Amino acid sequence: MDLGLKGKRALVTGASKGIGMAVARTLAAEGCHLNIAARGIEALEKARETLRESAPDVDVLINSADLSRRDDQERLAQACSEVDILVNNAGSNPAGNLEDTSDEVWRESWDLKVFGYINLCRSFYRVMKQRRAGVIVNIIGYAGERLNARYIIGTTSNAALMAFTRSVGSQAPDFNVRVVGINPGYTATDRAEGVMRTISEKQFGSADRWRDVERGLNLPFGRMAQPSEIANVVAFLVSPRASYVSGTIVTVDGGATNRNG
């Protein structure tokens, strides 16, 4: 299916690895020119090289930025103001319950994952409204639906971003702009594997049995999602093929949110 994305320009944050890198690779394969952003310049340069090898006709610009910082958010928004598509993906939340999560950890996490998303949305939404064209996708996480007191920061921040996305996305069509969200479930990123290895070490005395940990989670299809499976949904949602989709959250978890066992 031709998604009609050839020649568009997209900004993908948190794009040096994991879901962000998969999104960048998928959009490049569709002919999108890219701005990719992350903190580490070396990882970005490596990502750019990989993207150029897989899609030599696509322009790839790199942007080193700490998106928990307001000045870096503003600088990135100014540098990439002409993009047609914004994919907010930078940020993660640590595990922990209410009692053992400090005020500093709350603020550090929210500065990146919550206010980073909100501030970039604010900046790009303003430009897209004036231009009367553009799409914003917020990659959030299914902890906002499948609430977990042992992951209190992630559950709370994701629920907030879901409400934010639905609210902004309900008004955006008045200006020919679309805003949508994606809630991935467990996804096989390096970070997820690291968590599984840590659990494996505690349970079995060996990090190498992390696949046993994965199987014990009773995941749909017996596995985590692949980053490319999330990226494929992003590519569809930012394309003209999804031109009547705004103000909604698409959950990509294989049905895990509604599993009882």
Protein backbone atom coordinates (compact mmCIF):
# COMPACT_ATOMS: atom_id res chain seq x y z
CA MET A 1 0.00 0.00 0.00
CA ASP A 2 1.34 3.43 -0.95
CA LEU A 3 0.82 5.56 2.16
CA GLY A 4 1.37 8.83 0.33
CA LEU A 5 4.25 9.94 2.54
CA LYS A 6 6.95 10.38 -0.09
CA GLY A 7 8.55 13.82 0.19
CA LYS A 8 7.03 14.61 3.60
CA ARG A 9 9.37 15.58 6.45
CA ALA A 10 9.03 14.10 9.93
CA LEU A 11 10.63 14.78 13.30
CA VAL A 12 11.00 11.69 15.48
CA THR A 13 12.23 12.13 19.05
CA GLY A 14 14.01 9.40 20.97
CA ALA A 15 14.98 8.10 17.54
CA SER A 16 18.45 6.67 18.13
CA LYS A 17 17.13 3.26 19.23
CA GLY A 18 14.08 1.17 20.06
CA ILE A 19 10.65 2.23 18.90
CA GLY A 20 11.88 5.64 17.77
CA MET A 21 14.51 4.14 15.49
CA ALA A 22 11.96 1.69 14.10
CA VAL A 23 9.58 4.57 13.36
CA ALA A 24 12.36 6.51 11.61
CA ARG A 25 13.30 3.47 9.54
CA THR A 26 9.69 2.80 8.52
CA LEU A 27 9.01 6.43 7.58
CA ALA A 28 12.26 6.53 5.59
CA ALA A 29 11.16 3.42 3.70
CA GLU A 30 7.98 5.33 2.77
CA GLY A 31 10.07 8.20 1.39
CA CYS A 32 9.85 10.59 4.34
CA HIS A 33 12.77 12.94 4.93
CA LEU A 34 13.77 12.88 8.58
CA ASN A 35 14.86 14.94 11.52
CA ILE A 36 15.82 12.60 14.34
CA ALA A 37 16.43 13.74 17.91
CA ALA A 38 17.96 12.18 21.00
CA ARG A 39 20.48 13.11 23.67
CA GLY A 40 23.55 11.24 22.46
CA ILE A 41 25.24 12.58 19.35
CA GLU A 42 27.21 9.37 18.69
CA ALA A 43 24.06 7.26 18.77
CA LEU A 44 22.34 9.72 16.45
CA GLU A 45 25.22 9.61 13.97
CA LYS A 46 25.06 5.82 13.97
CA ALA A 47 21.31 5.93 13.44
CA ARG A 48 21.72 8.37 10.55
CA GLU A 49 24.23 6.06 8.90
CA THR A 50 21.87 3.12 9.25
CA LEU A 51 18.95 5.08 7.83
CA ARG A 52 20.97 6.33 4.88
CA GLU A 53 22.04 2.80 4.06
CA SER A 54 18.45 1.55 4.05
CA ALA A 55 16.95 4.62 2.30
CA PRO A 56 19.69 6.43 0.34
CA ASP A 57 17.27 8.90 -1.29
CA VAL A 58 16.03 10.23 2.05
CA ASP A 59 17.54 13.24 3.84
CA VAL A 60 18.38 12.60 7.51
CA LEU A 61 19.21 15.48 9.84
CA ILE A 62 20.27 14.85 13.43
CA ASN A 63 19.42 16.97 16.46
CA SER A 64 21.13 16.38 19.80
CA ALA A 65 18.76 17.57 22.52
CA ASP A 66 17.84 16.88 26.13
CA LEU A 67 14.08 17.13 25.81
CA SER A 68 13.58 17.44 29.55
CA ARG A 69 15.03 20.97 29.20
CA ARG A 70 12.78 23.80 28.03
CA ASP A 71 15.57 25.55 26.12
CA ASP A 72 16.38 22.36 24.18
CA GLN A 73 12.69 21.87 23.42
CA GLU A 74 12.44 25.40 22.03
CA ARG A 75 15.65 25.05 20.05
CA LEU A 76 14.44 21.80 18.46
CA ALA A 77 11.06 23.30 17.63
CA GLN A 78 12.72 26.26 15.90
CA ALA A 79 15.15 24.06 13.98
CA CYS A 80 12.41 21.73 12.74
CA SER A 81 9.49 24.12 12.38
CA GLU A 82 8.81 23.09 8.77
CA VAL A 83 8.15 19.40 9.45
CA ASP A 84 4.83 17.91 8.37
CA ILE A 85 4.85 15.21 11.05
CA LEU A 86 5.89 15.18 14.71
CA VAL A 87 6.35 11.84 16.47
CA ASN A 88 6.85 12.32 20.22
CA ASN A 89 8.66 9.26 21.53
CA ALA A 90 11.44 10.42 23.88
CA GLY A 91 11.10 9.41 27.50
CA SER A 92 10.62 6.52 29.85
CA ASN A 93 9.42 6.08 33.41
CA PRO A 94 11.03 4.06 36.21
CA ALA A 95 9.23 1.40 38.19
CA GLY A 96 8.23 2.13 41.77
CA ASN A 97 5.18 2.61 43.97
CA LEU A 98 3.95 5.76 45.67
CA GLU A 99 5.92 5.23 48.88
CA ASP A 100 9.34 4.57 47.36
CA THR A 101 9.26 7.15 44.54
CA SER A 102 10.85 10.46 45.47
CA ASP A 103 9.74 13.92 44.46
CA GLU A 104 12.93 14.29 42.41
CA VAL A 105 12.21 11.13 40.40
CA TRP A 106 8.65 12.27 39.72
CA ARG A 107 9.84 15.64 38.44
CA GLU A 108 12.72 14.24 36.39
CA SER A 109 10.43 11.74 34.66
CA TRP A 110 7.63 14.20 34.01
CA ASP A 111 9.95 16.91 32.70
CA LEU A 112 10.86 14.55 29.86
CA LYS A 113 7.86 12.32 29.21
CA VAL A 114 4.98 14.65 30.11
CA PHE A 115 6.14 18.24 29.71
CA GLY A 116 8.48 17.26 26.88
CA TYR A 117 5.50 15.96 24.91
CA ILE A 118 3.22 18.83 25.89
CA ASN A 119 5.73 21.56 25.10
CA LEU A 120 6.68 20.11 21.71
CA CYS A 121 3.01 19.64 20.88
CA ARG A 122 2.35 23.26 21.82
CA SER A 123 5.15 24.54 19.60
CA PHE A 124 4.38 22.42 16.54
CA TYR A 125 0.61 22.62 16.87
CA ARG A 126 0.81 26.42 16.69
CA VAL A 127 2.77 26.26 13.41
CA MET A 128 0.60 23.50 11.96
CA LYS A 129 -2.55 25.47 12.73
CA GLN A 130 -1.21 28.48 10.86
CA ARG A 131 -0.18 26.28 7.94
CA ARG A 132 -3.45 24.30 8.17
CA ALA A 133 -1.61 21.02 7.76
CA GLY A 134 0.22 18.56 9.96
CA VAL A 135 0.03 15.43 12.10
CA ILE A 136 1.25 14.81 15.64
CA VAL A 137 1.59 11.31 17.09
CA ASN A 138 2.29 10.81 20.79
CA ILE A 139 3.73 7.37 21.60
CA ILE A 140 2.55 6.92 25.16
CA GLY A 141 2.20 3.43 26.68
CA TYR A 142 -0.53 1.09 27.81
CA ALA A 143 0.15 1.61 31.52
CA GLY A 144 -2.26 4.52 31.18
CA GLU A 145 -4.99 1.95 30.52
CA ARG A 146 -3.75 -1.05 32.49
CA LEU A 147 -3.17 0.74 35.77
CA ASN A 148 -0.35 -0.51 37.97
CA ALA A 149 0.43 0.89 41.42
CA ARG A 150 3.94 -0.59 41.20
CA TYR A 151 4.56 1.60 38.15
CA ILE A 152 2.91 4.67 39.55
CA ILE A 153 4.83 7.28 37.54
CA GLY A 154 4.23 5.54 34.23
CA THR A 155 0.57 4.85 34.95
CA THR A 156 -0.11 8.45 35.98
CA SER A 157 1.93 10.16 33.27
CA ASN A 158 0.55 7.95 30.50
CA ALA A 159 -3.03 8.55 31.63
CA ALA A 160 -2.35 12.30 31.61
CA LEU A 161 -0.89 12.16 28.09
CA MET A 162 -3.82 10.12 26.86
CA ALA A 163 -6.24 12.79 28.11
CA PHE A 164 -4.05 15.53 26.65
CA THR A 165 -3.89 13.82 23.25
CA ARG A 166 -7.62 13.20 23.08
CA SER A 167 -8.40 16.78 24.10
CA VAL A 168 -6.06 18.48 21.62
CA GLY A 169 -6.88 15.97 18.90
CA SER A 170 -10.61 16.64 19.23
CA GLN A 171 -10.11 20.31 18.31
CA ALA A 172 -7.25 19.92 15.82
CA PRO A 173 -9.43 19.04 12.78
CA ASP A 174 -10.89 22.56 12.94
CA PHE A 175 -7.48 23.63 11.60
CA ASN A 176 -6.92 20.65 9.28
CA VAL A 177 -4.45 19.15 11.80
CA ARG A 178 -4.60 15.70 13.38
CA VAL A 179 -3.31 14.60 16.81
CA VAL A 180 -3.36 10.93 17.80
CA GLY A 181 -1.72 8.64 20.33
CA ILE A 182 -0.35 5.11 20.36
CA ASN A 183 -0.16 2.92 23.43
CA PRO A 184 2.41 0.16 22.89
CA GLY A 185 2.34 -2.80 25.20
CA TYR A 186 5.51 -4.71 26.12
CA THR A 187 7.88 -4.14 23.21
CA ALA A 188 11.18 -5.91 22.53
CA THR A 189 13.53 -2.95 22.83
CA ASP A 190 17.01 -3.02 24.36
CA ARG A 191 15.56 -1.41 27.46
CA ALA A 192 12.88 -4.08 27.82
CA GLU A 193 15.43 -6.84 27.36
CA GLY A 194 17.58 -5.23 30.04
CA VAL A 195 14.66 -5.26 32.47
CA MET A 196 13.96 -8.91 31.65
CA ARG A 197 17.61 -9.78 32.19
CA THR A 198 17.57 -8.10 35.59
CA ILE A 199 14.48 -10.05 36.60
CA SER A 200 16.03 -13.25 35.25
CA GLU A 201 19.15 -12.69 37.33
CA LYS A 202 17.05 -12.30 40.48
CA GLN A 203 14.77 -15.27 39.75
CA PHE A 204 17.16 -17.77 38.22
CA GLY A 205 20.62 -16.53 39.11
CA SER A 206 21.35 -15.96 35.43
CA ALA A 207 20.47 -13.08 33.11
CA ASP A 208 20.49 -15.47 30.15
CA ARG A 209 17.10 -16.91 31.05
CA TRP A 210 15.26 -13.69 30.27
CA ARG A 211 13.21 -15.45 27.60
CA ASP A 212 11.74 -17.58 30.39
CA VAL A 213 10.73 -14.36 32.12
CA GLU A 214 9.10 -13.15 28.92
CA ARG A 215 7.14 -16.39 28.52
CA GLY A 216 5.98 -16.11 32.14
CA LEU A 217 4.24 -12.81 31.45
CA ASN A 218 1.39 -14.54 29.57
CA LEU A 219 1.79 -12.14 26.67
CA PRO A 220 -0.38 -12.34 23.55
CA PHE A 221 1.20 -14.56 20.89
CA GLY A 222 3.69 -15.64 23.59
CA ARG A 223 6.02 -12.69 23.00
CA MET A 224 6.55 -8.96 23.19
CA ALA A 225 5.75 -6.76 20.21
CA GLN A 226 8.52 -5.96 17.78
CA PRO A 227 9.37 -2.23 17.44
CA SER A 228 8.55 -2.51 13.73
CA GLU A 229 4.99 -3.53 14.62
CA ILE A 230 4.54 -0.27 16.50
CA ALA A 231 6.25 1.69 13.72
CA ASN A 232 3.92 0.28 11.07
CA VAL A 233 0.92 1.66 12.95
CA VAL A 234 2.63 5.05 13.31
CA ALA A 235 3.29 5.18 9.56
CA PHE A 236 -0.36 4.47 8.79
CA LEU A 237 -1.66 7.03 11.29
CA VAL A 238 0.53 9.87 9.99
CA SER A 239 -0.43 9.11 6.39
CA PRO A 240 -3.35 10.45 4.35
CA ARG A 241 -4.79 6.93 4.57
CA ALA A 242 -5.79 7.83 8.15
CA SER A 243 -7.11 11.29 7.25
CA TYR A 244 -10.22 10.99 9.47
CA VAL A 245 -8.40 9.79 12.59
CA SER A 246 -7.79 12.36 15.32
CA GLY A 247 -8.28 12.65 19.07
CA THR A 248 -8.00 8.94 19.69
CA ILE A 249 -5.53 6.44 21.15
CA VAL A 250 -4.62 3.26 19.28
CA THR A 251 -3.49 0.49 21.60
CA VAL A 252 -0.93 -1.89 20.09
CA ASP A 253 -0.55 -4.61 22.71
CA GLY A 254 -1.98 -7.74 21.11
CA GLY A 255 -5.03 -7.46 23.38
CA ALA A 256 -3.01 -7.59 26.62
CA THR A 257 -4.89 -4.72 28.25
CA ASN A 258 -8.11 -6.74 28.24
CA ARG A 259 -6.64 -10.11 29.20
CA ASN A 260 -7.78 -11.40 32.58
CA GLY A 261 -5.23 -14.19 33.04
